[in-house]
Amino acid sequence: MRPKILVITGPTASGKTALAVELAKRHNGEVVSADSMQIYRRMDIGTAKPTAQEMGGVPHHMIDVADPEEDFSVARYVDLAGRCVEDVLSRGKLPILAGGTGLYIDSLLSGRTFAAFDEASPLRSELEGRYAREGGPALLQELARIDPDAAARLHPNDGKRIVRALEVWLTTGKTITRHNEETKALPPRYDALTLTLDFVRREDLWDRVDRRVDKMMEAGLEGEVRALLDSGVPERCTAMQAIGYKEMVPVVSGDMAAEDAAAQIKLRSRQYAKRQRTWFRRNQGAKWLLWGPVPNFADALQRSTDYMEEFGI
């Protein structure tokens, strides 16, 4: 039988951390973060990373596991988070996977495997060099001869995925299309009960998002971004493209007013929340906990416990 775990997900600012902590306290659980930005060290304010007080003494995993300069992949998340989940299970506790990065969650739960690769390998460097010299159309045409299905899905400007597809072929002898098909045929890794948080009225979520951004600004988001840049973190690295960080770079350089950047962060956070809601609606087996204007955690705790009992957790 597959191990049973609990998943708490939903759009940004929907109360996932608070509910996860309370359920962990009640059900002997530990939290495994599924947030693609909270993995980075020294990026606390803009990622809404839970404080020690908010963690309430509950162990949290997959937070502060990478430096901002690193190019963190889904494959690496699945590897590290999978180890955390197995460790929690081995100690007789309940893993609670909590976060809003749907791709991370789905990849971990499905048991998806990733073709092995080394970012520092000579082959990777060679392919990236060829992409820079010969251009996307040339490498995409080469890929089309090997894996026409993958090539049809990619744009010539998507150098990262073109290089990756060629790398998989040259390393394993399998096309990335075949590898993905084989992976999808695997049985799920875990038997997961998914609780999805959201608001009945999206306007209430937007208001909560806006207030969160205001708190980030008051807490010193500009100073956090300035410290990252001063420490040598490249402004174009993956971590610095996150919502809240990318918009603050012009503020640090004196090219934008802080209030204008805050308005952009609010807009892009709402747009991100819309995309998250669309992603989570695909899971037809999820149990939805819908808030009114203000989250009712007492009711959510009771309903969550009922769902968990029915599921056998």
Protein backbone atom coordinates (compact mmCIF):
# COMPACT_ATOMS: atom_id res chain seq x y z
CA MET A 1 0.00 0.00 0.00
CA ARG A 2 1.17 3.51 -0.81
CA PRO A 3 1.95 5.74 2.17
CA LYS A 4 -0.79 8.22 3.04
CA ILE A 5 0.11 11.89 3.28
CA LEU A 6 -1.77 15.17 3.60
CA VAL A 7 -1.50 18.01 1.08
CA ILE A 8 -2.61 21.56 1.82
CA THR A 9 -2.58 23.85 -1.15
CA GLY A 10 -4.27 26.90 -2.63
CA PRO A 11 -3.43 30.30 -4.07
CA THR A 12 -1.02 32.69 -2.43
CA ALA A 13 -2.21 34.30 0.83
CA SER A 14 -4.97 31.72 1.37
CA GLY A 15 -3.82 30.57 4.82
CA LYS A 16 -2.01 27.33 3.96
CA THR A 17 0.78 27.66 6.53
CA ALA A 18 -1.54 28.45 9.42
CA LEU A 19 -3.79 25.48 8.70
CA ALA A 20 -0.84 23.13 8.15
CA VAL A 21 0.70 24.08 11.49
CA GLU A 22 -2.53 23.55 13.42
CA LEU A 23 -3.19 20.19 11.77
CA ALA A 24 0.40 19.13 12.41
CA LYS A 25 -0.04 19.89 16.11
CA ARG A 26 -3.26 17.88 16.26
CA HIS A 27 -2.14 14.89 14.20
CA ASN A 28 1.56 14.40 15.01
CA GLY A 29 2.68 15.89 11.73
CA GLU A 30 5.59 17.77 10.19
CA VAL A 31 5.37 20.26 7.34
CA VAL A 32 7.17 19.80 4.04
CA SER A 33 7.10 23.07 2.12
CA ALA A 34 6.01 23.07 -1.54
CA ASP A 35 6.91 26.66 -2.31
CA SER A 36 9.35 27.28 -5.15
CA MET A 37 10.73 30.46 -3.58
CA GLN A 38 10.91 29.59 0.11
CA ILE A 39 13.68 27.15 -0.76
CA TYR A 40 16.09 30.10 -1.05
CA ARG A 41 18.14 31.36 1.86
CA ARG A 42 18.12 35.09 2.69
CA MET A 43 14.86 35.57 0.81
CA ASP A 44 12.43 35.79 3.69
CA ILE A 45 10.20 38.85 3.42
CA GLY A 46 9.27 38.66 -0.26
CA THR A 47 8.54 34.93 -0.11
CA ALA A 48 6.33 35.25 2.99
CA LYS A 49 8.52 32.63 4.63
CA PRO A 50 6.97 31.52 7.94
CA THR A 51 8.66 32.89 11.04
CA ALA A 52 9.60 30.72 14.00
CA GLN A 53 6.51 32.01 15.79
CA GLU A 54 4.27 31.10 12.84
CA MET A 55 5.80 27.62 12.71
CA GLY A 56 4.58 27.10 16.26
CA GLY A 57 7.27 24.58 17.12
CA VAL A 58 6.30 22.32 14.22
CA PRO A 59 9.29 21.09 12.15
CA HIS A 60 9.31 22.55 8.64
CA HIS A 61 11.31 20.99 5.81
CA MET A 62 12.38 22.28 2.37
CA ILE A 63 12.87 25.85 3.55
CA ASP A 64 16.29 27.54 3.15
CA VAL A 65 17.82 24.63 1.22
CA ALA A 66 19.44 26.58 -1.64
CA ASP A 67 21.35 29.79 -2.25
CA PRO A 68 19.72 32.46 -4.44
CA GLU A 69 22.43 32.08 -7.08
CA GLU A 70 21.48 28.44 -7.69
CA ASP A 71 19.24 27.33 -10.54
CA PHE A 72 16.89 25.09 -8.54
CA SER A 73 14.96 22.52 -10.61
CA VAL A 74 11.77 20.52 -10.17
CA ALA A 75 13.88 17.37 -10.28
CA ARG A 76 15.97 18.56 -7.37
CA TYR A 77 12.85 19.46 -5.40
CA VAL A 78 11.34 16.01 -5.93
CA ASP A 79 14.58 14.37 -4.81
CA LEU A 80 15.04 16.44 -1.66
CA ALA A 81 11.37 16.68 -0.69
CA GLY A 82 10.91 12.95 -1.27
CA ARG A 83 13.70 12.26 1.20
CA CYS A 84 12.02 14.54 3.74
CA VAL A 85 8.66 12.81 3.34
CA GLU A 86 10.25 9.37 3.72
CA ASP A 87 12.10 10.52 6.84
CA VAL A 88 8.90 11.85 8.42
CA LEU A 89 7.09 8.60 7.61
CA SER A 90 9.94 6.51 9.02
CA ARG A 91 9.51 8.24 12.38
CA GLY A 92 5.80 7.43 12.49
CA LYS A 93 4.68 10.99 11.82
CA LEU A 94 2.35 12.50 9.22
CA PRO A 95 3.97 14.39 6.34
CA ILE A 96 1.95 17.52 5.51
CA LEU A 97 2.93 18.87 2.11
CA ALA A 98 1.97 22.54 2.18
CA GLY A 99 2.46 25.18 -0.51
CA GLY A 100 1.21 26.75 -3.67
CA THR A 101 3.65 25.50 -6.32
CA GLY A 102 1.42 23.04 -8.15
CA LEU A 103 4.17 21.62 -10.36
CA TYR A 104 6.27 20.70 -7.33
CA ILE A 105 3.31 19.03 -5.62
CA ASP A 106 2.11 17.09 -8.65
CA SER A 107 5.62 15.92 -9.55
CA LEU A 108 6.30 14.64 -6.03
CA LEU A 109 2.94 12.90 -5.60
CA SER A 110 3.01 11.24 -9.00
CA GLY A 111 6.37 9.60 -8.45
CA ARG A 112 7.67 11.34 -11.53
CA THR A 113 11.26 10.58 -12.36
CA PHE A 114 13.70 12.85 -14.13
CA ALA A 115 16.50 11.84 -16.45
CA ALA A 116 19.77 12.29 -14.63
CA PHE A 117 21.88 15.25 -15.64
CA ASP A 118 24.69 17.40 -14.36
CA GLU A 119 24.36 21.16 -14.80
CA ALA A 120 28.15 21.44 -14.86
CA SER A 121 28.67 18.64 -17.38
CA PRO A 122 30.73 19.28 -20.53
CA LEU A 123 27.74 18.18 -22.62
CA ARG A 124 25.48 20.79 -21.06
CA SER A 125 28.08 23.50 -21.63
CA GLU A 126 28.61 22.34 -25.20
CA LEU A 127 24.90 22.44 -26.03
CA GLU A 128 24.44 25.84 -24.40
CA GLY A 129 27.40 27.13 -26.39
CA ARG A 130 25.90 25.79 -29.60
CA TYR A 131 22.57 27.40 -28.78
CA ALA A 132 24.33 30.74 -28.30
CA ARG A 133 26.33 30.42 -31.52
CA GLU A 134 23.92 28.70 -33.88
CA GLY A 135 20.63 30.00 -32.49
CA GLY A 136 17.39 28.42 -31.38
CA PRO A 137 15.96 27.59 -34.84
CA ALA A 138 19.02 25.48 -35.75
CA LEU A 139 18.96 23.40 -32.56
CA LEU A 140 15.19 23.09 -32.69
CA GLN A 141 15.48 21.71 -36.23
CA GLU A 142 18.03 19.18 -34.96
CA LEU A 143 15.66 18.20 -32.16
CA ALA A 144 12.80 17.80 -34.67
CA ARG A 145 14.73 15.04 -36.45
CA ILE A 146 15.11 13.16 -33.15
CA ASP A 147 11.90 14.00 -31.30
CA PRO A 148 9.34 15.78 -33.51
CA ASP A 149 6.70 15.80 -30.75
CA ALA A 150 8.97 17.65 -28.33
CA ALA A 151 10.13 20.05 -31.04
CA ALA A 152 6.54 20.90 -31.93
CA ARG A 153 5.89 21.96 -28.33
CA LEU A 154 8.89 24.27 -28.06
CA HIS A 155 9.62 27.79 -29.25
CA PRO A 156 13.07 28.60 -30.71
CA ASN A 157 13.58 31.08 -27.85
CA ASP A 158 13.09 28.37 -25.21
CA GLY A 159 16.78 27.55 -25.07
CA LYS A 160 16.63 25.87 -21.67
CA ARG A 161 14.14 23.20 -22.76
CA ILE A 162 15.68 22.69 -26.20
CA VAL A 163 19.09 22.07 -24.61
CA ARG A 164 17.50 19.79 -22.02
CA ALA A 165 15.70 17.69 -24.67
CA LEU A 166 18.89 17.22 -26.66
CA GLU A 167 20.82 16.45 -23.50
CA VAL A 168 18.37 13.71 -22.49
CA TRP A 169 18.66 12.11 -25.94
CA LEU A 170 22.44 12.23 -26.02
CA THR A 171 22.78 11.00 -22.44
CA THR A 172 20.16 8.23 -22.28
CA GLY A 173 19.36 7.31 -25.88
CA LYS A 174 15.71 8.04 -25.15
CA THR A 175 13.78 11.05 -26.36
CA ILE A 176 12.38 13.30 -23.66
CA THR A 177 8.90 12.53 -25.03
CA ARG A 178 9.40 8.80 -24.45
CA HIS A 179 10.88 9.42 -21.01
CA ASN A 180 7.86 11.51 -20.00
CA GLU A 181 5.42 8.90 -21.31
CA GLU A 182 7.14 6.17 -19.32
CA THR A 183 7.04 8.34 -16.24
CA LYS A 184 3.32 9.02 -16.57
CA ALA A 185 2.67 5.27 -16.66
CA LEU A 186 4.19 4.83 -13.19
CA PRO A 187 1.77 4.41 -10.24
CA PRO A 188 1.49 7.38 -7.85
CA ARG A 189 4.16 7.52 -5.19
CA TYR A 190 1.82 8.51 -2.38
CA ASP A 191 -1.86 8.21 -1.50
CA ALA A 192 -2.61 11.87 -0.86
CA LEU A 193 -5.58 13.66 0.64
CA THR A 194 -5.54 17.16 -0.85
CA LEU A 195 -7.20 20.08 0.94
CA THR A 196 -7.41 23.16 -1.27
CA LEU A 197 -7.98 26.56 0.34
CA ASP A 198 -9.59 29.49 -1.45
CA PHE A 199 -12.07 32.31 -1.01
CA VAL A 200 -15.67 32.25 -2.22
CA ARG A 201 -15.25 35.78 -3.58
CA ARG A 202 -12.00 36.42 -5.41
CA GLU A 203 -12.18 40.06 -4.31
CA ASP A 204 -11.56 38.89 -0.74
CA LEU A 205 -8.46 37.03 -1.89
CA TRP A 206 -7.24 40.08 -3.82
CA ASP A 207 -7.68 42.19 -0.68
CA ARG A 208 -5.69 39.69 1.34
CA VAL A 209 -2.94 39.67 -1.31
CA ASP A 210 -2.75 43.46 -1.28
CA ARG A 211 -2.51 43.61 2.50
CA ARG A 212 0.25 41.00 2.45
CA VAL A 213 2.27 43.12 0.01
CA ASP A 214 1.77 46.18 2.22
CA LYS A 215 3.18 44.21 5.16
CA MET A 216 6.15 43.10 3.09
CA MET A 217 6.96 46.67 2.21
CA GLU A 218 6.66 47.73 5.85
CA ALA A 219 8.86 44.80 6.93
CA GLY A 220 11.71 45.97 4.70
CA LEU A 221 11.41 44.23 1.33
CA GLU A 222 13.49 46.95 -0.31
CA GLY A 223 16.30 46.39 2.18
CA GLU A 224 16.18 42.64 1.65
CA VAL A 225 16.55 43.05 -2.12
CA ARG A 226 19.34 45.60 -1.66
CA ALA A 227 21.23 43.18 0.63
CA LEU A 228 20.91 40.37 -1.92
CA LEU A 229 22.25 42.51 -4.74
CA ASP A 230 25.05 43.92 -2.57
CA SER A 231 26.11 40.37 -1.69
CA GLY A 232 26.64 39.60 -5.38
CA VAL A 233 23.38 37.83 -6.27
CA PRO A 234 22.84 38.51 -10.01
CA GLU A 235 19.66 40.44 -10.68
CA ARG A 236 18.88 38.15 -13.63
CA CYS A 237 19.22 34.84 -11.77
CA THR A 238 16.12 32.66 -11.38
CA ALA A 239 15.50 33.55 -7.74
CA MET A 240 15.54 37.28 -8.45
CA GLN A 241 12.82 36.87 -11.08
CA ALA A 242 10.35 36.03 -8.32
CA ILE A 243 7.39 38.33 -7.78
CA GLY A 244 8.41 40.97 -5.26
CA TYR A 245 12.10 40.82 -6.04
CA LYS A 246 12.16 41.62 -9.74
CA GLU A 247 9.94 44.67 -9.18
CA MET A 248 12.11 46.00 -6.36
CA VAL A 249 15.39 45.99 -8.31
CA PRO A 250 14.59 49.33 -10.04
CA VAL A 251 13.72 50.80 -6.64
CA VAL A 252 17.13 49.84 -5.28
CA SER A 253 18.82 51.39 -8.33
CA GLY A 254 16.78 54.58 -7.94
CA ASP A 255 14.85 54.14 -11.19
CA MET A 256 11.41 53.59 -9.65
CA ALA A 257 9.43 54.78 -6.66
CA ALA A 258 8.70 52.19 -3.97
CA GLU A 259 4.94 52.79 -4.15
CA ASP A 260 4.95 52.10 -7.89
CA ALA A 261 6.84 48.87 -7.36
CA ALA A 262 4.37 47.86 -4.64
CA ALA A 263 1.49 48.41 -7.07
CA GLN A 264 3.22 46.16 -9.62
CA ILE A 265 3.82 43.47 -7.01
CA LYS A 266 0.15 43.50 -6.05
CA LEU A 267 -0.94 43.20 -9.68
CA ARG A 268 1.44 40.36 -10.49
CA SER A 269 0.60 38.56 -7.26
CA ARG A 270 -3.09 38.64 -8.16
CA GLN A 271 -2.28 37.39 -11.67
CA TYR A 272 -0.24 34.57 -10.15
CA ALA A 273 -3.08 33.68 -7.80
CA LYS A 274 -5.44 33.40 -10.79
CA ARG A 275 -3.07 30.96 -12.47
CA GLN A 276 -2.80 28.95 -9.27
CA ARG A 277 -6.58 28.70 -8.96
CA THR A 278 -6.79 27.40 -12.52
CA TRP A 279 -4.10 24.78 -11.81
CA PHE A 280 -5.71 23.51 -8.60
CA ARG A 281 -9.16 23.17 -10.16
CA ARG A 282 -7.78 20.34 -12.28
CA ASN A 283 -7.60 18.07 -9.23
CA GLN A 284 -11.10 16.63 -9.14
CA GLY A 285 -10.39 14.64 -6.00
CA ALA A 286 -9.42 17.61 -3.85
CA LYS A 287 -11.51 18.67 -0.87
CA TRP A 288 -12.15 22.41 -1.03
CA LEU A 289 -12.23 24.64 2.02
CA LEU A 290 -13.72 27.95 0.92
CA TRP A 291 -13.38 31.03 3.10
CA GLY A 292 -15.85 33.85 3.45
CA PRO A 293 -14.51 37.40 3.77
CA VAL A 294 -12.41 36.25 6.76
CA PRO A 295 -10.90 32.74 7.17
CA ASN A 296 -12.65 30.61 9.80
CA PHE A 297 -9.85 28.35 11.00
CA ALA A 298 -11.91 26.66 13.72
CA ASP A 299 -14.36 25.42 11.10
CA ALA A 300 -11.55 24.49 8.70
CA LEU A 301 -9.80 22.45 11.40
CA GLN A 302 -12.95 20.49 12.14
CA ARG A 303 -13.75 19.85 8.49
CA SER A 304 -10.14 18.91 7.75
CA THR A 305 -10.12 16.44 10.63
CA ASP A 306 -13.35 14.88 9.34
CA TYR A 307 -11.87 14.51 5.86
CA MET A 308 -8.72 12.98 7.34
CA GLU A 309 -10.70 10.43 9.35
CA GLU A 310 -12.66 9.42 6.25
CA PHE A 311 -9.40 9.08 4.31
CA GLY A 312 -7.81 6.93 6.98
CA ILE A 313 -5.11 9.29 8.21
